[in-house]
């Protein structure tokens, strides 16, 4: 994974710009902290950051009532990749 912190908040900028259609994508973390599911989510996040089409990634907490990795843990990793995480609980 590349460490590519973005100096600007693409999500906020897109919301404030009436000429931009804001696109977000929802991620649902798995149970383990270093599982194939988490690796796949981070790989997707990296592609989203580099692609520039998605402004933010939403991370749900306990989707469907199933215990999972904390959104804050995954959010920190996603932020390091250069895309804004939006965490819901």
PDB file of N, CA and C in Angstrom:
ATOM      1  N   UNK A   1       0.834  -1.177   0.000  1.00  0.00           N
ATOM      2  CA  UNK A   1       0.000   0.000   0.000  1.00  0.00           C
ATOM      3  C   UNK A   1       0.887   1.251   0.000  1.00  0.00           C
ATOM      4  N   UNK A   2       0.491   2.207  -0.741  1.00  0.00           N
ATOM      5  CA  UNK A   2       1.228   3.467  -0.795  1.00  0.00           C
ATOM      6  C   UNK A   2       0.727   4.424   0.268  1.00  0.00           C
ATOM      7  N   UNK A   3       1.650   5.188   0.831  1.00  0.00           N
ATOM      8  CA  UNK A   3       1.252   6.236   1.764  1.00  0.00           C
ATOM      9  C   UNK A   3       1.187   7.525   0.964  1.00  0.00           C
ATOM     10  N   UNK A   4      -0.019   8.045   0.786  1.00  0.00           N
ATOM     11  CA  UNK A   4      -0.221   9.203  -0.066  1.00  0.00           C
ATOM     12  C   UNK A   4      -1.206  10.167   0.587  1.00  0.00           C
ATOM     13  N   UNK A   5      -0.806  10.832   1.670  1.00  0.00           N
ATOM     14  CA  UNK A   5      -1.757  11.730   2.333  1.00  0.00           C
ATOM     15  C   UNK A   5      -2.114  12.902   1.436  1.00  0.00           C
ATOM     16  N   UNK A   6      -3.377  13.159   1.329  1.00  0.00           N
ATOM     17  CA  UNK A   6      -3.850  14.276   0.515  1.00  0.00           C
ATOM     18  C   UNK A   6      -3.846  15.549   1.351  1.00  0.00           C
ATOM     19  N   UNK A   7      -3.220  16.616   0.856  1.00  0.00           N
ATOM     20  CA  UNK A   7      -3.185  17.850   1.638  1.00  0.00           C
ATOM     21  C   UNK A   7      -4.534  18.551   1.711  1.00  0.00           C
ATOM     22  N   UNK A   8      -5.450  18.173   0.838  1.00  0.00           N
ATOM     23  CA  UNK A   8      -6.763  18.822   0.871  1.00  0.00           C
ATOM     24  C   UNK A   8      -7.856  17.794   1.100  1.00  0.00           C
ATOM     25  N   UNK A   9      -8.982  18.252   1.533  1.00  0.00           N
ATOM     26  CA  UNK A   9     -10.128  17.398   1.807  1.00  0.00           C
ATOM     27  C   UNK A   9     -10.995  17.363   0.555  1.00  0.00           C
ATOM     28  N   UNK A  10     -10.793  16.347  -0.289  1.00  0.00           N
ATOM     29  CA  UNK A  10     -11.533  16.251  -1.559  1.00  0.00           C
ATOM     30  C   UNK A  10     -13.033  16.150  -1.328  1.00  0.00           C
ATOM     31  N   UNK A  11     -13.412  15.463  -0.265  1.00  0.00           N
ATOM     32  CA  UNK A  11     -14.830  15.294   0.031  1.00  0.00           C
ATOM     33  C   UNK A  11     -15.483  16.643   0.336  1.00  0.00           C
ATOM     34  N   UNK A  12     -14.878  17.416   1.229  1.00  0.00           N
ATOM     35  CA  UNK A  12     -15.424  18.726   1.589  1.00  0.00           C
ATOM     36  C   UNK A  12     -15.459  19.655   0.377  1.00  0.00           C
ATOM     37  N   UNK A  13     -14.371  19.648  -0.385  1.00  0.00           N
ATOM     38  CA  UNK A  13     -14.317  20.516  -1.566  1.00  0.00           C
ATOM     39  C   UNK A  13     -15.409  20.161  -2.574  1.00  0.00           C
ATOM     40  N   UNK A  14     -15.673  18.870  -2.756  1.00  0.00           N
ATOM     41  CA  UNK A  14     -16.711  18.467  -3.711  1.00  0.00           C
ATOM     42  C   UNK A  14     -18.098  18.874  -3.236  1.00  0.00           C
ATOM     43  N   UNK A  15     -18.316  18.811  -1.916  1.00  0.00           N
ATOM     44  CA  UNK A  15     -19.622  19.218  -1.377  1.00  0.00           C
ATOM     45  C   UNK A  15     -19.857  20.715  -1.529  1.00  0.00           C
ATOM     46  N   UNK A  16     -18.790  21.494  -1.475  1.00  0.00           N
ATOM     47  CA  UNK A  16     -18.914  22.947  -1.577  1.00  0.00           C
ATOM     48  C   UNK A  16     -18.918  23.451  -3.016  1.00  0.00           C
ATOM     49  N   UNK A  17     -18.569  22.600  -3.956  1.00  0.00           N
ATOM     50  CA  UNK A  17     -18.507  23.002  -5.360  1.00  0.00           C
ATOM     51  C   UNK A  17     -19.766  22.531  -6.077  1.00  0.00           C
ATOM     52  N   UNK A  18     -20.611  23.469  -6.480  1.00  0.00           N
ATOM     53  CA  UNK A  18     -21.880  23.113  -7.115  1.00  0.00           C
ATOM     54  C   UNK A  18     -21.690  22.491  -8.490  1.00  0.00           C
ATOM     55  N   UNK A  19     -20.499  22.552  -9.046  1.00  0.00           N
ATOM     56  CA  UNK A  19     -20.217  21.972 -10.358  1.00  0.00           C
ATOM     57  C   UNK A  19     -19.674  20.545 -10.281  1.00  0.00           C
ATOM     58  N   UNK A  20     -19.580  20.009  -9.076  1.00  0.00           N
ATOM     59  CA  UNK A  20     -19.048  18.659  -8.888  1.00  0.00           C
ATOM     60  C   UNK A  20     -20.139  17.757  -8.313  1.00  0.00           C
ATOM     61  N   UNK A  21     -20.278  16.583  -8.909  1.00  0.00           N
ATOM     62  CA  UNK A  21     -21.181  15.567  -8.374  1.00  0.00           C
ATOM     63  C   UNK A  21     -20.366  14.705  -7.424  1.00  0.00           C
ATOM     64  N   UNK A  22     -20.695  14.734  -6.158  1.00  0.00           N
ATOM     65  CA  UNK A  22     -19.934  14.021  -5.137  1.00  0.00           C
ATOM     66  C   UNK A  22     -20.275  12.533  -5.157  1.00  0.00           C
ATOM     67  N   UNK A  23     -19.228  11.719  -5.211  1.00  0.00           N
ATOM     68  CA  UNK A  23     -19.398  10.268  -5.221  1.00  0.00           C
ATOM     69  C   UNK A  23     -18.704   9.687  -3.991  1.00  0.00           C
ATOM     70  N   UNK A  24     -19.444   8.881  -3.242  1.00  0.00           N
ATOM     71  CA  UNK A  24     -18.872   8.148  -2.112  1.00  0.00           C
ATOM     72  C   UNK A  24     -19.185   6.667  -2.310  1.00  0.00           C
ATOM     73  N   UNK A  25     -18.490   5.851  -1.589  1.00  0.00           N
ATOM     74  CA  UNK A  25     -18.707   4.409  -1.653  1.00  0.00           C
ATOM     75  C   UNK A  25     -18.699   3.876  -0.225  1.00  0.00           C
ATOM     76  N   UNK A  26     -19.616   2.974   0.080  1.00  0.00           N
ATOM     77  CA  UNK A  26     -19.693   2.425   1.429  1.00  0.00           C
ATOM     78  C   UNK A  26     -18.882   1.138   1.542  1.00  0.00           C
ATOM     79  N   UNK A  27     -18.083   1.058   2.592  1.00  0.00           N
ATOM     80  CA  UNK A  27     -17.298  -0.133   2.888  1.00  0.00           C
ATOM     81  C   UNK A  27     -17.826  -0.775   4.166  1.00  0.00           C
ATOM     82  N   UNK A  28     -17.845  -2.086   4.198  1.00  0.00           N
ATOM     83  CA  UNK A  28     -18.277  -2.823   5.382  1.00  0.00           C
ATOM     84  C   UNK A  28     -17.092  -3.656   5.851  1.00  0.00           C
ATOM     85  N   UNK A  29     -16.484  -3.271   6.987  1.00  0.00           N
ATOM     86  CA  UNK A  29     -15.322  -4.020   7.479  1.00  0.00           C
ATOM     87  C   UNK A  29     -15.686  -5.427   7.931  1.00  0.00           C
ATOM     88  N   UNK A  30     -14.702  -6.310   7.849  1.00  0.00           N
ATOM     89  CA  UNK A  30     -14.876  -7.673   8.350  1.00  0.00           C
ATOM     90  C   UNK A  30     -14.525  -7.738   9.828  1.00  0.00           C
ATOM     91  N   UNK A  31     -14.454  -8.946  10.346  1.00  0.00           N
ATOM     92  CA  UNK A  31     -14.231  -9.125  11.784  1.00  0.00           C
ATOM     93  C   UNK A  31     -12.775  -8.943  12.190  1.00  0.00           C
ATOM     94  N   UNK A  32     -11.860  -9.496  11.453  1.00  0.00           N
ATOM     95  CA  UNK A  32     -10.462  -9.492  11.873  1.00  0.00           C
ATOM     96  C   UNK A  32      -9.735  -8.216  11.512  1.00  0.00           C
ATOM     97  N   UNK A  33      -8.663  -7.954  12.242  1.00  0.00           N
ATOM     98  CA  UNK A  33      -7.903  -6.729  11.975  1.00  0.00           C
ATOM     99  C   UNK A  33      -7.008  -6.879  10.753  1.00  0.00           C
ATOM    100  N   UNK A  34      -6.501  -8.057  10.462  1.00  0.00           N
ATOM    101  CA  UNK A  34      -5.670  -8.268   9.280  1.00  0.00           C
ATOM    102  C   UNK A  34      -6.160  -9.515   8.559  1.00  0.00           C
ATOM    103  N   UNK A  35      -7.300  -9.411   7.959  1.00  0.00           N
ATOM    104  CA  UNK A  35      -7.862 -10.529   7.221  1.00  0.00           C
ATOM    105  C   UNK A  35      -7.858 -10.202   5.730  1.00  0.00           C
ATOM    106  N   UNK A  36      -8.168 -11.186   4.924  1.00  0.00           N
ATOM    107  CA  UNK A  36      -8.248 -10.961   3.478  1.00  0.00           C
ATOM    108  C   UNK A  36      -9.316  -9.910   3.170  1.00  0.00           C
ATOM    109  N   UNK A  37     -10.407  -9.913   3.931  1.00  0.00           N
ATOM    110  CA  UNK A  37     -11.463  -8.918   3.718  1.00  0.00           C
ATOM    111  C   UNK A  37     -10.930  -7.505   3.929  1.00  0.00           C
ATOM    112  N   UNK A  38     -10.148  -7.298   4.986  1.00  0.00           N
ATOM    113  CA  UNK A  38      -9.590  -5.959   5.253  1.00  0.00           C
ATOM    114  C   UNK A  38      -8.571  -5.593   4.175  1.00  0.00           C
ATOM    115  N   UNK A  39      -7.760  -6.561   3.773  1.00  0.00           N
ATOM    116  CA  UNK A  39      -6.777  -6.301   2.710  1.00  0.00           C
ATOM    117  C   UNK A  39      -7.480  -5.890   1.418  1.00  0.00           C
ATOM    118  N   UNK A  40      -8.597  -6.544   1.109  1.00  0.00           N
ATOM    119  CA  UNK A  40      -9.363  -6.193  -0.090  1.00  0.00           C
ATOM    120  C   UNK A  40      -9.956  -4.787   0.020  1.00  0.00           C
ATOM    121  N   UNK A  41     -10.459  -4.432   1.202  1.00  0.00           N
ATOM    122  CA  UNK A  41     -11.006  -3.088   1.395  1.00  0.00           C
ATOM    123  C   UNK A  41      -9.921  -2.027   1.213  1.00  0.00           C
ATOM    124  N   UNK A  42      -8.743  -2.280   1.772  1.00  0.00           N
ATOM    125  CA  UNK A  42      -7.650  -1.312   1.645  1.00  0.00           C
ATOM    126  C   UNK A  42      -7.146  -1.223   0.207  1.00  0.00           C
ATOM    127  N   UNK A  43      -7.141  -2.337  -0.508  1.00  0.00           N
ATOM    128  CA  UNK A  43      -6.749  -2.315  -1.922  1.00  0.00           C
ATOM    129  C   UNK A  43      -7.747  -1.493  -2.727  1.00  0.00           C
ATOM    130  N   UNK A  44      -9.045  -1.656  -2.428  1.00  0.00           N
ATOM    131  CA  UNK A  44     -10.068  -0.858  -3.101  1.00  0.00           C
ATOM    132  C   UNK A  44      -9.902   0.620  -2.773  1.00  0.00           C
ATOM    133  N   UNK A  45      -9.640   0.916  -1.499  1.00  0.00           N
ATOM    134  CA  UNK A  45      -9.457   2.300  -1.069  1.00  0.00           C
ATOM    135  C   UNK A  45      -8.271   2.941  -1.788  1.00  0.00           C
ATOM    136  N   UNK A  46      -7.211   2.185  -1.949  1.00  0.00           N
ATOM    137  CA  UNK A  46      -6.034   2.711  -2.649  1.00  0.00           C
ATOM    138  C   UNK A  46      -6.365   3.021  -4.110  1.00  0.00           C
ATOM    139  N   UNK A  47      -7.078   2.130  -4.764  1.00  0.00           N
ATOM    140  CA  UNK A  47      -7.483   2.368  -6.154  1.00  0.00           C
ATOM    141  C   UNK A  47      -8.413   3.577  -6.246  1.00  0.00           C
ATOM    142  N   UNK A  48      -9.322   3.701  -5.284  1.00  0.00           N
ATOM    143  CA  UNK A  48     -10.244   4.841  -5.278  1.00  0.00           C
ATOM    144  C   UNK A  48      -9.482   6.148  -5.097  1.00  0.00           C
ATOM    145  N   UNK A  49      -8.491   6.141  -4.219  1.00  0.00           N
ATOM    146  CA  UNK A  49      -7.693   7.350  -3.972  1.00  0.00           C
ATOM    147  C   UNK A  49      -6.919   7.754  -5.222  1.00  0.00           C
ATOM    148  N   UNK A  50      -6.328   6.782  -5.870  1.00  0.00           N
ATOM    149  CA  UNK A  50      -5.523   7.073  -7.058  1.00  0.00           C
ATOM    150  C   UNK A  50      -6.382   7.425  -8.264  1.00  0.00           C
ATOM    151  N   UNK A  51      -7.577   6.852  -8.339  1.00  0.00           N
ATOM    152  CA  UNK A  51      -8.467   7.093  -9.482  1.00  0.00           C
ATOM    153  C   UNK A  51      -9.060   8.485  -9.510  1.00  0.00           C
ATOM    154  N   UNK A  52      -9.283   9.067  -8.339  1.00  0.00           N
ATOM    155  CA  UNK A  52      -9.801  10.426  -8.265  1.00  0.00           C
ATOM    156  C   UNK A  52     -11.280  10.605  -8.566  1.00  0.00           C
ATOM    157  N   UNK A  53     -12.008   9.534  -8.852  1.00  0.00           N
ATOM    158  CA  UNK A  53     -13.438   9.652  -9.157  1.00  0.00           C
ATOM    159  C   UNK A  53     -14.315   9.629  -7.915  1.00  0.00           C
ATOM    160  N   UNK A  54     -13.827   8.996  -6.863  1.00  0.00           N
ATOM    161  CA  UNK A  54     -14.572   8.876  -5.611  1.00  0.00           C
ATOM    162  C   UNK A  54     -13.971   9.850  -4.611  1.00  0.00           C
ATOM    163  N   UNK A  55     -14.810  10.670  -3.983  1.00  0.00           N
ATOM    164  CA  UNK A  55     -14.315  11.691  -3.060  1.00  0.00           C
ATOM    165  C   UNK A  55     -14.170  11.196  -1.628  1.00  0.00           C
ATOM    166  N   UNK A  56     -14.907  10.180  -1.236  1.00  0.00           N
ATOM    167  CA  UNK A  56     -14.830   9.685   0.141  1.00  0.00           C
ATOM    168  C   UNK A  56     -15.321   8.246   0.205  1.00  0.00           C
ATOM    169  N   UNK A  57     -14.875   7.557   1.249  1.00  0.00           N
ATOM    170  CA  UNK A  57     -15.321   6.192   1.511  1.00  0.00           C
ATOM    171  C   UNK A  57     -16.007   6.156   2.869  1.00  0.00           C
ATOM    172  N   UNK A  58     -17.243   5.711   2.881  1.00  0.00           N
ATOM    173  CA  UNK A  58     -18.014   5.596   4.109  1.00  0.00           C
ATOM    174  C   UNK A  58     -17.759   4.217   4.714  1.00  0.00           C
ATOM    175  N   UNK A  59     -17.516   4.189   6.018  1.00  0.00           N
ATOM    176  CA  UNK A  59     -17.258   2.921   6.708  1.00  0.00           C
ATOM    177  C   UNK A  59     -18.340   2.714   7.754  1.00  0.00           C
ATOM    178  N   UNK A  60     -19.111   1.644   7.600  1.00  0.00           N
ATOM    179  CA  UNK A  60     -20.194   1.380   8.542  1.00  0.00           C
ATOM    180  C   UNK A  60     -19.677   0.642   9.770  1.00  0.00           C
ATOM    181  N   UNK A  61     -20.383   0.793  10.862  1.00  0.00           N
ATOM    182  CA  UNK A  61     -20.036   0.106  12.103  1.00  0.00           C
ATOM    183  C   UNK A  61     -21.091  -0.939  12.398  1.00  0.00           C
ATOM    184  N   UNK A  62     -20.651  -2.169  12.564  1.00  0.00           N
ATOM    185  CA  UNK A  62     -21.536  -3.290  12.891  1.00  0.00           C
ATOM    186  C   UNK A  62     -22.723  -3.399  11.934  1.00  0.00           C
ATOM    187  N   UNK A  63     -22.419  -3.401  10.646  1.00  0.00           N
ATOM    188  CA  UNK A  63     -23.484  -3.506   9.636  1.00  0.00           C
ATOM    189  C   UNK A  63     -24.312  -4.758   9.870  1.00  0.00           C
ATOM    190  N   UNK A  64     -25.606  -4.603   9.862  1.00  0.00           N
ATOM    191  CA  UNK A  64     -26.512  -5.722  10.077  1.00  0.00           C
ATOM    192  C   UNK A  64     -26.439  -6.315  11.470  1.00  0.00           C
ATOM    193  N   UNK A  65     -25.847  -5.581  12.412  1.00  0.00           N
ATOM    194  CA  UNK A  65     -25.726  -6.053  13.781  1.00  0.00           C
ATOM    195  C   UNK A  65     -24.593  -7.048  13.995  1.00  0.00           C
ATOM    196  N   UNK A  66     -23.724  -7.198  12.988  1.00  0.00           N
ATOM    197  CA  UNK A  66     -22.602  -8.128  13.093  1.00  0.00           C
ATOM    198  C   UNK A  66     -21.361  -7.401  13.589  1.00  0.00           C
ATOM    199  N   UNK A  67     -20.735  -7.889  14.640  1.00  0.00           N
ATOM    200  CA  UNK A  67     -19.524  -7.246  15.153  1.00  0.00           C
ATOM    201  C   UNK A  67     -18.427  -7.258  14.091  1.00  0.00           C
ATOM    202  N   UNK A  68     -17.706  -6.146  14.001  1.00  0.00           N
ATOM    203  CA  UNK A  68     -16.648  -6.031  13.002  1.00  0.00           C
ATOM    204  C   UNK A  68     -15.574  -5.091  13.523  1.00  0.00           C
ATOM    205  N   UNK A  69     -14.515  -4.984  12.755  1.00  0.00           N
ATOM    206  CA  UNK A  69     -13.431  -4.073  13.073  1.00  0.00           C
ATOM    207  C   UNK A  69     -13.964  -2.648  13.196  1.00  0.00           C
ATOM    208  N   UNK A  70     -13.457  -1.901  14.153  1.00  0.00           N
ATOM    209  CA  UNK A  70     -13.888  -0.522  14.372  1.00  0.00           C
ATOM    210  C   UNK A  70     -13.641   0.340  13.135  1.00  0.00           C
ATOM    211  N   UNK A  71     -14.604   1.161  12.729  1.00  0.00           N
ATOM    212  CA  UNK A  71     -14.400   2.039  11.581  1.00  0.00           C
ATOM    213  C   UNK A  71     -13.201   2.977  11.743  1.00  0.00           C
ATOM    214  N   UNK A  72     -12.911   3.374  12.983  1.00  0.00           N
ATOM    215  CA  UNK A  72     -11.798   4.292  13.211  1.00  0.00           C
ATOM    216  C   UNK A  72     -10.462   3.661  12.820  1.00  0.00           C
ATOM    217  N   UNK A  73     -10.310   2.381  13.080  1.00  0.00           N
ATOM    218  CA  UNK A  73      -9.067   1.678  12.739  1.00  0.00           C
ATOM    219  C   UNK A  73      -8.880   1.667  11.222  1.00  0.00           C
ATOM    220  N   UNK A  74      -9.912   1.264  10.510  1.00  0.00           N
ATOM    221  CA  UNK A  74      -9.848   1.222   9.056  1.00  0.00           C
ATOM    222  C   UNK A  74      -9.760   2.636   8.473  1.00  0.00           C
ATOM    223  N   UNK A  75     -10.456   3.577   9.097  1.00  0.00           N
ATOM    224  CA  UNK A  75     -10.445   4.965   8.621  1.00  0.00           C
ATOM    225  C   UNK A  75      -9.055   5.582   8.641  1.00  0.00           C
ATOM    226  N   UNK A  76      -8.279   5.271   9.667  1.00  0.00           N
ATOM    227  CA  UNK A  76      -6.905   5.795   9.748  1.00  0.00           C
ATOM    228  C   UNK A  76      -6.059   5.281   8.596  1.00  0.00           C
ATOM    229  N   UNK A  77      -6.230   4.017   8.273  1.00  0.00           N
ATOM    230  CA  UNK A  77      -5.476   3.431   7.155  1.00  0.00           C
ATOM    231  C   UNK A  77      -5.910   4.034   5.824  1.00  0.00           C
ATOM    232  N   UNK A  78      -7.201   4.259   5.664  1.00  0.00           N
ATOM    233  CA  UNK A  78      -7.727   4.837   4.427  1.00  0.00           C
ATOM    234  C   UNK A  78      -7.244   6.271   4.259  1.00  0.00           C
ATOM    235  N   UNK A  79      -7.235   7.027   5.326  1.00  0.00           N
ATOM    236  CA  UNK A  79      -6.756   8.407   5.270  1.00  0.00           C
ATOM    237  C   UNK A  79      -5.295   8.458   4.815  1.00  0.00           C
ATOM    238  N   UNK A  80      -4.500   7.512   5.258  1.00  0.00           N
ATOM    239  CA  UNK A  80      -3.094   7.451   4.844  1.00  0.00           C
ATOM    240  C   UNK A  80      -2.955   7.227   3.342  1.00  0.00           C
ATOM    241  N   UNK A  81      -3.965   6.621   2.730  1.00  0.00           N
ATOM    242  CA  UNK A  81      -3.919   6.337   1.295  1.00  0.00           C
ATOM    243  C   UNK A  81      -4.295   7.556   0.459  1.00  0.00           C
ATOM    244  N   UNK A  82      -4.815   8.607   1.115  1.00  0.00           N
ATOM    245  CA  UNK A  82      -5.116   9.839   0.401  1.00  0.00           C
ATOM    246  C   UNK A  82      -6.563  10.041   0.016  1.00  0.00           C
ATOM    247  N   UNK A  83      -7.457   9.344   0.681  1.00  0.00           N
ATOM    248  CA  UNK A  83      -8.889   9.547   0.438  1.00  0.00           C
ATOM    249  C   UNK A  83      -9.587   9.719   1.781  1.00  0.00           C
ATOM    250  N   UNK A  84     -10.627  10.507   1.806  1.00  0.00           N
ATOM    251  CA  UNK A  84     -11.291  10.840   3.057  1.00  0.00           C
ATOM    252  C   UNK A  84     -12.243   9.744   3.519  1.00  0.00           C
ATOM    253  N   UNK A  85     -12.084   9.280   4.768  1.00  0.00           N
ATOM    254  CA  UNK A  85     -13.049   8.323   5.317  1.00  0.00           C
ATOM    255  C   UNK A  85     -14.201   9.068   6.003  1.00  0.00           C
ATOM    256  N   UNK A  86     -15.389   8.506   5.884  1.00  0.00           N
ATOM    257  CA  UNK A  86     -16.561   9.028   6.590  1.00  0.00           C
ATOM    258  C   UNK A  86     -17.072   7.860   7.423  1.00  0.00           C
ATOM    259  N   UNK A  87     -17.008   7.989   8.738  1.00  0.00           N
ATOM    260  CA  UNK A  87     -17.375   6.882   9.609  1.00  0.00           C
ATOM    261  C   UNK A  87     -18.751   7.088  10.211  1.00  0.00           C
ATOM    262  N   UNK A  88     -19.553   6.025  10.170  1.00  0.00           N
ATOM    263  CA  UNK A  88     -20.891   6.099  10.751  1.00  0.00           C
ATOM    264  C   UNK A  88     -21.017   5.045  11.831  1.00  0.00           C
ATOM    265  N   UNK A  89     -21.826   5.330  12.779  1.00  0.00           N
ATOM    266  CA  UNK A  89     -21.988   4.381  13.869  1.00  0.00           C
ATOM    267  C   UNK A  89     -23.409   4.180  14.236  1.00  0.00           C
TER     268      UNK A  89
END
